[in-house]
Amino acid sequence: MTSLARPLRGLLAGLVLGLLAFVILGPLVNLALWAVAERWYFPNRLPSQYGFAFWARVFSPRGGAWNALGTSVLIALATVLLSLAVALPAGWALARLRMPGRALVLLIFLLPQAFPNLPVYINIARIFYWWGLNGTIAGVVLVHTLHGLVFAVWITTAAFAAVDRDLEEAARNMGAGPLRTFFTVTLPLAGPGILAASIFVFLESLDEFTGTYFVGVPDVTTLPLLMFNAAMGGNYQIAAITALILLVPSLLFMAVIERFLKAEVLAKVGT
């Protein structure tokens, strides 16, 4: 009975792993096929003609991909800067000061993730219309920052909390003032966590669609909006190519995050 159970367990484990691989890699394979398919009609299971003609269309001056990519990167970088401008002092204060209601403050930064995005963005779009921010890059950056602060504040708080205070005290004992200690000891040691927070915010902004749609359309066009318009128009090749462009920085930056964001930093979140 034992000799039969082992092969069955191995077969079951293989089936589960195969199913997981299909669920994870299947959509990516389909995306890659659409990106190089010049003709693919139902009921064919595979494209009848392959090529890169649609890649040339996407990156042609009329395709709009370069402009959308530049706008997306500009908005993402501005979102990172604005998020860090709030998160660095807030993270340091939450990690180092004995603040009353500290847990409540951290919870407030989670509130944007606690509600469905659609009604939140509809109300933001109405408020921004009164302020003249609809259809502007500044308005889109503010919307992206709303969600980016969740990652920025929580991760920077954990990064500052993970810094050994004995090292700071040693620097103070050597004659360094508070500002010099912060910039020469605290900030460099918290740097990997801050870098990870910046990458999370950048990727969140780069992939954001709903907020950009309600606040930026029709004057601000990012890559997710370009992909959405192509998909709605039945241009699946262009939508697939745009999705692959968005996928590349996500994979690269997630590898960086995995290297720099250590378990001991994550363990400090919320403590």
C-alpha atoms as a PDB file:
ATOM      1  CA  MET A   1       0.000   0.000   0.000  1.00  0.00           C
ATOM      2  CA  THR A   2       2.846   2.359   0.855  1.00  0.00           C
ATOM      3  CA  SER A   3       4.684   1.628  -2.412  1.00  0.00           C
ATOM      4  CA  LEU A   4       1.522   2.518  -4.347  1.00  0.00           C
ATOM      5  CA  ALA A   5       0.796   5.665  -2.355  1.00  0.00           C
ATOM      6  CA  ARG A   6       4.102   7.327  -3.209  1.00  0.00           C
ATOM      7  CA  PRO A   7       3.631   7.274  -7.000  1.00  0.00           C
ATOM      8  CA  LEU A   8       0.058   8.502  -6.538  1.00  0.00           C
ATOM      9  CA  ARG A   9       1.230  11.408  -4.410  1.00  0.00           C
ATOM     10  CA  GLY A  10       3.885  12.217  -6.989  1.00  0.00           C
ATOM     11  CA  LEU A  11       1.315  12.091  -9.784  1.00  0.00           C
ATOM     12  CA  LEU A  12      -1.071  14.316  -7.823  1.00  0.00           C
ATOM     13  CA  ALA A  13       1.709  16.815  -7.091  1.00  0.00           C
ATOM     14  CA  GLY A  14       2.657  16.835 -10.766  1.00  0.00           C
ATOM     15  CA  LEU A  15      -0.940  17.483 -11.806  1.00  0.00           C
ATOM     16  CA  VAL A  16      -1.275  20.356  -9.317  1.00  0.00           C
ATOM     17  CA  LEU A  17       2.006  21.926 -10.481  1.00  0.00           C
ATOM     18  CA  GLY A  18       0.970  21.492 -14.110  1.00  0.00           C
ATOM     19  CA  LEU A  19      -2.376  23.155 -13.420  1.00  0.00           C
ATOM     20  CA  LEU A  20      -0.684  26.066 -11.655  1.00  0.00           C
ATOM     21  CA  ALA A  21       1.772  26.461 -14.538  1.00  0.00           C
ATOM     22  CA  PHE A  22      -1.127  26.494 -17.008  1.00  0.00           C
ATOM     23  CA  VAL A  23      -3.046  29.093 -14.989  1.00  0.00           C
ATOM     24  CA  ILE A  24       0.017  31.336 -14.630  1.00  0.00           C
ATOM     25  CA  LEU A  25       1.779  30.831 -17.961  1.00  0.00           C
ATOM     26  CA  GLY A  26      -1.226  30.124 -20.173  1.00  0.00           C
ATOM     27  CA  PRO A  27      -2.363  33.779 -20.434  1.00  0.00           C
ATOM     28  CA  LEU A  28       1.240  34.898 -21.022  1.00  0.00           C
ATOM     29  CA  VAL A  29       1.684  32.380 -23.855  1.00  0.00           C
ATOM     30  CA  ASN A  30      -1.600  33.529 -25.400  1.00  0.00           C
ATOM     31  CA  LEU A  31      -0.428  37.138 -25.066  1.00  0.00           C
ATOM     32  CA  ALA A  32       2.866  36.341 -26.786  1.00  0.00           C
ATOM     33  CA  LEU A  33       1.035  34.562 -29.632  1.00  0.00           C
ATOM     34  CA  TRP A  34      -1.252  37.553 -30.201  1.00  0.00           C
ATOM     35  CA  ALA A  35       1.779  39.852 -30.258  1.00  0.00           C
ATOM     36  CA  VAL A  36       3.266  38.036 -33.276  1.00  0.00           C
ATOM     37  CA  ALA A  37       0.022  36.933 -34.949  1.00  0.00           C
ATOM     38  CA  GLU A  38      -0.790  38.716 -38.204  1.00  0.00           C
ATOM     39  CA  ARG A  39      -3.752  36.461 -38.970  1.00  0.00           C
ATOM     40  CA  TRP A  40      -5.664  34.425 -36.405  1.00  0.00           C
ATOM     41  CA  TYR A  41      -9.262  33.575 -37.055  1.00  0.00           C
ATOM     42  CA  PHE A  42     -11.730  31.291 -35.315  1.00  0.00           C
ATOM     43  CA  PRO A  43     -11.742  28.250 -35.156  1.00  0.00           C
ATOM     44  CA  ASN A  44      -7.956  28.042 -35.674  1.00  0.00           C
ATOM     45  CA  ARG A  45      -6.193  27.189 -32.444  1.00  0.00           C
ATOM     46  CA  LEU A  46      -2.982  28.876 -33.584  1.00  0.00           C
ATOM     47  CA  PRO A  47      -2.282  31.882 -35.800  1.00  0.00           C
ATOM     48  CA  SER A  48      -2.241  31.165 -39.519  1.00  0.00           C
ATOM     49  CA  GLN A  49       0.376  33.855 -40.179  1.00  0.00           C
ATOM     50  CA  TYR A  50       3.146  35.228 -37.977  1.00  0.00           C
ATOM     51  CA  GLY A  51       5.057  38.481 -38.267  1.00  0.00           C
ATOM     52  CA  PHE A  52       5.961  41.817 -36.706  1.00  0.00           C
ATOM     53  CA  ALA A  53       3.870  44.152 -38.846  1.00  0.00           C
ATOM     54  CA  PHE A  54       1.773  45.191 -35.847  1.00  0.00           C
ATOM     55  CA  TRP A  55       4.908  46.022 -33.864  1.00  0.00           C
ATOM     56  CA  ALA A  56       5.834  48.508 -36.568  1.00  0.00           C
ATOM     57  CA  ARG A  57       2.335  49.986 -36.401  1.00  0.00           C
ATOM     58  CA  VAL A  58       2.484  50.352 -32.618  1.00  0.00           C
ATOM     59  CA  PHE A  59       5.823  52.177 -32.683  1.00  0.00           C
ATOM     60  CA  SER A  60       5.084  54.282 -35.744  1.00  0.00           C
ATOM     61  CA  PRO A  61       4.458  58.018 -35.161  1.00  0.00           C
ATOM     62  CA  ARG A  62       0.737  57.450 -35.712  1.00  0.00           C
ATOM     63  CA  GLY A  63       0.653  54.491 -33.316  1.00  0.00           C
ATOM     64  CA  GLY A  64       1.052  56.715 -30.281  1.00  0.00           C
ATOM     65  CA  ALA A  65       2.989  54.152 -28.241  1.00  0.00           C
ATOM     66  CA  TRP A  66       6.057  56.352 -27.735  1.00  0.00           C
ATOM     67  CA  ASN A  67       3.992  59.315 -26.571  1.00  0.00           C
ATOM     68  CA  ALA A  68       1.899  57.079 -24.285  1.00  0.00           C
ATOM     69  CA  LEU A  69       5.043  55.450 -22.879  1.00  0.00           C
ATOM     70  CA  GLY A  70       6.661  58.817 -22.213  1.00  0.00           C
ATOM     71  CA  THR A  71       3.494  60.086 -20.524  1.00  0.00           C
ATOM     72  CA  SER A  72       3.236  56.918 -18.424  1.00  0.00           C
ATOM     73  CA  VAL A  73       6.861  57.147 -17.259  1.00  0.00           C
ATOM     74  CA  LEU A  74       6.552  60.873 -16.526  1.00  0.00           C
ATOM     75  CA  ILE A  75       3.413  60.329 -14.434  1.00  0.00           C
ATOM     76  CA  ALA A  76       4.973  57.350 -12.629  1.00  0.00           C
ATOM     77  CA  LEU A  77       8.142  59.289 -11.740  1.00  0.00           C
ATOM     78  CA  ALA A  78       6.132  62.278 -10.517  1.00  0.00           C
ATOM     79  CA  THR A  79       3.957  59.921  -8.464  1.00  0.00           C
ATOM     80  CA  VAL A  80       7.057  58.378  -6.863  1.00  0.00           C
ATOM     81  CA  LEU A  81       8.472  61.802  -5.949  1.00  0.00           C
ATOM     82  CA  LEU A  82       5.190  63.043  -4.499  1.00  0.00           C
ATOM     83  CA  SER A  83       4.614  59.791  -2.587  1.00  0.00           C
ATOM     84  CA  LEU A  84       8.120  59.846  -1.110  1.00  0.00           C
ATOM     85  CA  ALA A  85       7.759  63.509  -0.156  1.00  0.00           C
ATOM     86  CA  VAL A  86       4.911  62.419   2.109  1.00  0.00           C
ATOM     87  CA  ALA A  87       6.121  58.929   3.024  1.00  0.00           C
ATOM     88  CA  LEU A  88       9.676  59.722   4.185  1.00  0.00           C
ATOM     89  CA  PRO A  89       8.749  62.106   7.037  1.00  0.00           C
ATOM     90  CA  ALA A  90       5.591  60.130   7.804  1.00  0.00           C
ATOM     91  CA  GLY A  91       7.437  56.802   7.817  1.00  0.00           C
ATOM     92  CA  TRP A  92      10.207  58.122  10.055  1.00  0.00           C
ATOM     93  CA  ALA A  93       7.711  59.646  12.492  1.00  0.00           C
ATOM     94  CA  LEU A  94       5.573  56.492  12.604  1.00  0.00           C
ATOM     95  CA  ALA A  95       8.637  54.312  13.139  1.00  0.00           C
ATOM     96  CA  ARG A  96      10.498  56.435  15.697  1.00  0.00           C
ATOM     97  CA  LEU A  97       8.074  58.640  17.590  1.00  0.00           C
ATOM     98  CA  ARG A  98       5.607  57.506  20.215  1.00  0.00           C
ATOM     99  CA  MET A  99       2.581  58.903  18.458  1.00  0.00           C
ATOM    100  CA  PRO A 100      -0.914  58.535  19.900  1.00  0.00           C
ATOM    101  CA  GLY A 101      -3.175  56.784  17.427  1.00  0.00           C
ATOM    102  CA  ARG A 102      -0.249  55.439  15.398  1.00  0.00           C
ATOM    103  CA  ALA A 103      -2.168  52.335  14.343  1.00  0.00           C
ATOM    104  CA  LEU A 104      -5.084  54.523  13.269  1.00  0.00           C
ATOM    105  CA  VAL A 105      -2.796  56.648  11.088  1.00  0.00           C
ATOM    106  CA  LEU A 106      -1.442  53.549   9.361  1.00  0.00           C
ATOM    107  CA  LEU A 107      -4.999  52.317   8.892  1.00  0.00           C
ATOM    108  CA  ILE A 108      -6.023  55.607   7.276  1.00  0.00           C
ATOM    109  CA  PHE A 109      -3.372  55.104   4.597  1.00  0.00           C
ATOM    110  CA  LEU A 110      -4.965  51.722   3.845  1.00  0.00           C
ATOM    111  CA  LEU A 111      -8.445  53.177   3.336  1.00  0.00           C
ATOM    112  CA  PRO A 112      -8.067  53.756  -0.431  1.00  0.00           C
ATOM    113  CA  GLN A 113      -7.623  49.996  -0.805  1.00  0.00           C
ATOM    114  CA  ALA A 114     -10.615  49.222   1.413  1.00  0.00           C
ATOM    115  CA  PHE A 115     -13.248  50.580  -0.971  1.00  0.00           C
ATOM    116  CA  PRO A 116     -14.088  49.708  -4.586  1.00  0.00           C
ATOM    117  CA  ASN A 117     -12.077  51.865  -6.962  1.00  0.00           C
ATOM    118  CA  LEU A 118     -14.928  52.815  -9.280  1.00  0.00           C
ATOM    119  CA  PRO A 119     -17.077  54.935  -6.902  1.00  0.00           C
ATOM    120  CA  VAL A 120     -13.948  56.505  -5.391  1.00  0.00           C
ATOM    121  CA  TYR A 121     -12.626  57.603  -8.778  1.00  0.00           C
ATOM    122  CA  ILE A 122     -16.016  58.866  -9.947  1.00  0.00           C
ATOM    123  CA  ASN A 123     -16.221  61.189  -6.934  1.00  0.00           C
ATOM    124  CA  ILE A 124     -12.582  62.238  -7.341  1.00  0.00           C
ATOM    125  CA  ALA A 125     -13.262  63.073 -10.998  1.00  0.00           C
ATOM    126  CA  ARG A 126     -16.203  65.258  -9.966  1.00  0.00           C
ATOM    127  CA  ILE A 127     -14.101  67.130  -7.381  1.00  0.00           C
ATOM    128  CA  PHE A 128     -11.210  67.528  -9.825  1.00  0.00           C
ATOM    129  CA  TYR A 129     -13.611  68.955 -12.394  1.00  0.00           C
ATOM    130  CA  TRP A 130     -14.429  71.766  -9.966  1.00  0.00           C
ATOM    131  CA  TRP A 131     -10.721  72.374  -9.401  1.00  0.00           C
ATOM    132  CA  GLY A 132      -9.809  72.289 -13.094  1.00  0.00           C
ATOM    133  CA  LEU A 133      -7.630  69.189 -12.702  1.00  0.00           C
ATOM    134  CA  ASN A 134      -9.554  66.885 -15.057  1.00  0.00           C
ATOM    135  CA  GLY A 135      -7.618  66.116 -18.200  1.00  0.00           C
ATOM    136  CA  THR A 136      -4.303  67.199 -16.686  1.00  0.00           C
ATOM    137  CA  ILE A 137      -1.158  65.283 -15.798  1.00  0.00           C
ATOM    138  CA  ALA A 138      -1.210  66.898 -12.348  1.00  0.00           C
ATOM    139  CA  GLY A 139      -4.671  65.464 -11.689  1.00  0.00           C
ATOM    140  CA  VAL A 140      -3.596  61.986 -12.804  1.00  0.00           C
ATOM    141  CA  VAL A 141      -0.484  62.167 -10.602  1.00  0.00           C
ATOM    142  CA  LEU A 142      -2.616  63.078  -7.569  1.00  0.00           C
ATOM    143  CA  VAL A 143      -4.939  60.131  -8.216  1.00  0.00           C
ATOM    144  CA  HIS A 144      -2.023  57.723  -8.596  1.00  0.00           C
ATOM    145  CA  THR A 145      -0.445  59.085  -5.419  1.00  0.00           C
ATOM    146  CA  LEU A 146      -3.620  58.229  -3.521  1.00  0.00           C
ATOM    147  CA  HIS A 147      -2.888  54.539  -4.003  1.00  0.00           C
ATOM    148  CA  GLY A 148       0.887  54.889  -4.074  1.00  0.00           C
ATOM    149  CA  LEU A 149       0.935  56.212  -0.508  1.00  0.00           C
ATOM    150  CA  VAL A 150      -0.289  52.840   0.743  1.00  0.00           C
ATOM    151  CA  PHE A 151       2.938  51.175  -0.390  1.00  0.00           C
ATOM    152  CA  ALA A 152       5.169  54.166   0.286  1.00  0.00           C
ATOM    153  CA  VAL A 153       4.114  54.861   3.884  1.00  0.00           C
ATOM    154  CA  TRP A 154       3.865  51.273   5.072  1.00  0.00           C
ATOM    155  CA  ILE A 155       7.148  50.121   3.529  1.00  0.00           C
ATOM    156  CA  THR A 156       9.140  53.205   4.555  1.00  0.00           C
ATOM    157  CA  THR A 157       7.773  52.862   8.088  1.00  0.00           C
ATOM    158  CA  ALA A 158       8.998  49.266   8.155  1.00  0.00           C
ATOM    159  CA  ALA A 159      12.356  50.277   6.649  1.00  0.00           C
ATOM    160  CA  PHE A 160      13.005  52.947   9.293  1.00  0.00           C
ATOM    161  CA  ALA A 161      11.822  50.623  12.080  1.00  0.00           C
ATOM    162  CA  ALA A 162      14.311  47.990  10.921  1.00  0.00           C
ATOM    163  CA  VAL A 163      17.314  50.332  11.352  1.00  0.00           C
ATOM    164  CA  ASP A 164      19.360  49.463  14.432  1.00  0.00           C
ATOM    165  CA  ARG A 165      19.142  52.398  16.826  1.00  0.00           C
ATOM    166  CA  ASP A 166      22.484  51.471  18.385  1.00  0.00           C
ATOM    167  CA  LEU A 167      24.181  52.565  15.160  1.00  0.00           C
ATOM    168  CA  GLU A 168      22.446  55.925  15.348  1.00  0.00           C
ATOM    169  CA  GLU A 169      23.454  56.331  18.973  1.00  0.00           C
ATOM    170  CA  ALA A 170      27.041  55.449  18.069  1.00  0.00           C
ATOM    171  CA  ALA A 171      27.043  58.202  15.438  1.00  0.00           C
ATOM    172  CA  ARG A 172      25.631  60.685  17.958  1.00  0.00           C
ATOM    173  CA  ASN A 173      28.299  59.694  20.468  1.00  0.00           C
ATOM    174  CA  MET A 174      30.945  60.425  17.802  1.00  0.00           C
ATOM    175  CA  GLY A 175      29.659  63.991  17.568  1.00  0.00           C
ATOM    176  CA  ALA A 176      27.220  63.762  14.653  1.00  0.00           C
ATOM    177  CA  GLY A 177      24.127  65.910  14.942  1.00  0.00           C
ATOM    178  CA  PRO A 178      20.575  64.671  14.327  1.00  0.00           C
ATOM    179  CA  LEU A 179      20.530  65.689  10.646  1.00  0.00           C
ATOM    180  CA  ARG A 180      23.970  64.256   9.909  1.00  0.00           C
ATOM    181  CA  THR A 181      23.027  61.017  11.680  1.00  0.00           C
ATOM    182  CA  PHE A 182      19.858  60.780   9.620  1.00  0.00           C
ATOM    183  CA  PHE A 183      21.545  61.379   6.261  1.00  0.00           C
ATOM    184  CA  THR A 184      24.705  59.329   6.907  1.00  0.00           C
ATOM    185  CA  VAL A 185      23.340  56.431   8.989  1.00  0.00           C
ATOM    186  CA  THR A 186      19.541  56.143   9.078  1.00  0.00           C
ATOM    187  CA  LEU A 187      18.717  56.963   5.473  1.00  0.00           C
ATOM    188  CA  PRO A 188      21.402  54.715   3.862  1.00  0.00           C
ATOM    189  CA  LEU A 189      20.375  51.767   6.057  1.00  0.00           C
ATOM    190  CA  ALA A 190      16.708  52.310   5.223  1.00  0.00           C
ATOM    191  CA  GLY A 191      17.615  52.851   1.562  1.00  0.00           C
ATOM    192  CA  PRO A 192      16.786  49.329   0.277  1.00  0.00           C
ATOM    193  CA  GLY A 193      13.298  49.506   1.771  1.00  0.00           C
ATOM    194  CA  ILE A 194      12.773  53.003   0.387  1.00  0.00           C
ATOM    195  CA  LEU A 195      13.953  51.797  -3.034  1.00  0.00           C
ATOM    196  CA  ALA A 196      11.485  48.916  -2.878  1.00  0.00           C
ATOM    197  CA  ALA A 197       8.681  51.310  -1.924  1.00  0.00           C
ATOM    198  CA  SER A 198       9.610  53.559  -4.867  1.00  0.00           C
ATOM    199  CA  ILE A 199       9.478  50.619  -7.268  1.00  0.00           C
ATOM    200  CA  PHE A 200       6.096  49.495  -5.934  1.00  0.00           C
ATOM    201  CA  VAL A 201       4.703  53.007  -6.400  1.00  0.00           C
ATOM    202  CA  PHE A 202       6.232  53.280  -9.882  1.00  0.00           C
ATOM    203  CA  LEU A 203       4.720  49.981 -11.027  1.00  0.00           C
ATOM    204  CA  GLU A 204       1.357  50.799  -9.460  1.00  0.00           C
ATOM    205  CA  SER A 205       1.298  54.095 -11.344  1.00  0.00           C
ATOM    206  CA  LEU A 206       2.558  52.585 -14.596  1.00  0.00           C
ATOM    207  CA  ASP A 207      -0.238  49.991 -14.621  1.00  0.00           C
ATOM    208  CA  GLU A 208      -3.028  52.197 -13.243  1.00  0.00           C
ATOM    209  CA  PHE A 209      -6.020  52.386 -15.582  1.00  0.00           C
ATOM    210  CA  THR A 210      -9.240  53.280 -13.746  1.00  0.00           C
ATOM    211  CA  GLY A 211      -8.055  56.492 -12.112  1.00  0.00           C
ATOM    212  CA  THR A 212      -6.363  57.627 -15.313  1.00  0.00           C
ATOM    213  CA  TYR A 213      -9.517  56.895 -17.299  1.00  0.00           C
ATOM    214  CA  PHE A 214     -11.832  58.947 -15.091  1.00  0.00           C
ATOM    215  CA  VAL A 215      -9.451  61.861 -14.475  1.00  0.00           C
ATOM    216  CA  GLY A 216      -7.180  61.977 -17.532  1.00  0.00           C
ATOM    217  CA  VAL A 217      -9.375  61.132 -20.548  1.00  0.00           C
ATOM    218  CA  PRO A 218      -9.348  62.453 -23.247  1.00  0.00           C
ATOM    219  CA  ASP A 219      -6.288  64.688 -22.857  1.00  0.00           C
ATOM    220  CA  VAL A 220      -3.928  62.297 -21.043  1.00  0.00           C
ATOM    221  CA  THR A 221      -3.166  58.969 -22.742  1.00  0.00           C
ATOM    222  CA  THR A 222      -1.047  56.353 -20.992  1.00  0.00           C
ATOM    223  CA  LEU A 223      -0.092  52.841 -22.079  1.00  0.00           C
ATOM    224  CA  PRO A 224      -2.950  51.160 -20.135  1.00  0.00           C
ATOM    225  CA  LEU A 225      -5.420  53.505 -21.854  1.00  0.00           C
ATOM    226  CA  LEU A 226      -3.839  52.728 -25.232  1.00  0.00           C
ATOM    227  CA  MET A 227      -4.175  49.012 -24.515  1.00  0.00           C
ATOM    228  CA  PHE A 228      -7.808  49.418 -23.447  1.00  0.00           C
ATOM    229  CA  ASN A 229      -8.714  51.382 -26.577  1.00  0.00           C
ATOM    230  CA  ALA A 230      -7.033  48.797 -28.801  1.00  0.00           C
ATOM    231  CA  ALA A 231      -8.816  45.900 -27.078  1.00  0.00           C
ATOM    232  CA  MET A 232     -12.208  47.614 -27.271  1.00  0.00           C
ATOM    233  CA  GLY A 233     -11.619  48.256 -30.976  1.00  0.00           C
ATOM    234  CA  GLY A 234     -10.811  44.604 -31.657  1.00  0.00           C
ATOM    235  CA  ASN A 235      -7.112  45.298 -32.297  1.00  0.00           C
ATOM    236  CA  TYR A 236      -5.938  42.404 -30.136  1.00  0.00           C
ATOM    237  CA  GLN A 237      -2.424  42.372 -31.573  1.00  0.00           C
ATOM    238  CA  ILE A 238      -1.849  45.997 -30.596  1.00  0.00           C
ATOM    239  CA  ALA A 239      -3.376  45.376 -27.165  1.00  0.00           C
ATOM    240  CA  ALA A 240      -1.091  42.356 -26.665  1.00  0.00           C
ATOM    241  CA  ILE A 241       2.020  44.285 -27.715  1.00  0.00           C
ATOM    242  CA  THR A 242       1.143  47.117 -25.333  1.00  0.00           C
ATOM    243  CA  ALA A 243       0.566  44.623 -22.523  1.00  0.00           C
ATOM    244  CA  LEU A 244       4.003  43.074 -23.131  1.00  0.00           C
ATOM    245  CA  ILE A 245       5.599  46.530 -22.977  1.00  0.00           C
ATOM    246  CA  LEU A 246       3.959  47.030 -19.569  1.00  0.00           C
ATOM    247  CA  LEU A 247       5.031  43.564 -18.438  1.00  0.00           C
ATOM    248  CA  VAL A 248       8.777  44.048 -19.003  1.00  0.00           C
ATOM    249  CA  PRO A 249       9.443  46.736 -16.337  1.00  0.00           C
ATOM    250  CA  SER A 250       7.197  44.877 -13.901  1.00  0.00           C
ATOM    251  CA  LEU A 251       9.305  41.704 -14.177  1.00  0.00           C
ATOM    252  CA  LEU A 252      12.597  43.592 -13.970  1.00  0.00           C
ATOM    253  CA  PHE A 253      11.602  45.714 -10.997  1.00  0.00           C
ATOM    254  CA  MET A 254      10.043  42.807  -9.102  1.00  0.00           C
ATOM    255  CA  ALA A 255      13.410  41.028  -9.319  1.00  0.00           C
ATOM    256  CA  VAL A 256      15.009  44.108  -7.746  1.00  0.00           C
ATOM    257  CA  ILE A 257      12.356  44.210  -5.019  1.00  0.00           C
ATOM    258  CA  GLU A 258      12.899  40.531  -4.211  1.00  0.00           C
ATOM    259  CA  ARG A 259      16.592  41.250  -3.703  1.00  0.00           C
ATOM    260  CA  PHE A 260      16.318  44.372  -1.555  1.00  0.00           C
ATOM    261  CA  LEU A 261      13.092  43.920   0.441  1.00  0.00           C
ATOM    262  CA  LYS A 262      14.133  41.407   3.066  1.00  0.00           C
ATOM    263  CA  ALA A 263      11.928  39.433   5.429  1.00  0.00           C
ATOM    264  CA  GLU A 264      13.164  41.335   8.472  1.00  0.00           C
ATOM    265  CA  VAL A 265      11.959  44.578   6.908  1.00  0.00           C
ATOM    266  CA  LEU A 266       8.542  43.146   6.075  1.00  0.00           C
ATOM    267  CA  ALA A 267       8.296  41.834   9.626  1.00  0.00           C
ATOM    268  CA  LYS A 268       8.373  45.422  10.891  1.00  0.00           C
ATOM    269  CA  VAL A 269       5.240  46.426   8.958  1.00  0.00           C
ATOM    270  CA  GLY A 270       2.558  47.483  11.383  1.00  0.00           C
ATOM    271  CA  THR A 271       4.713  46.952  14.480  1.00  0.00           C
END
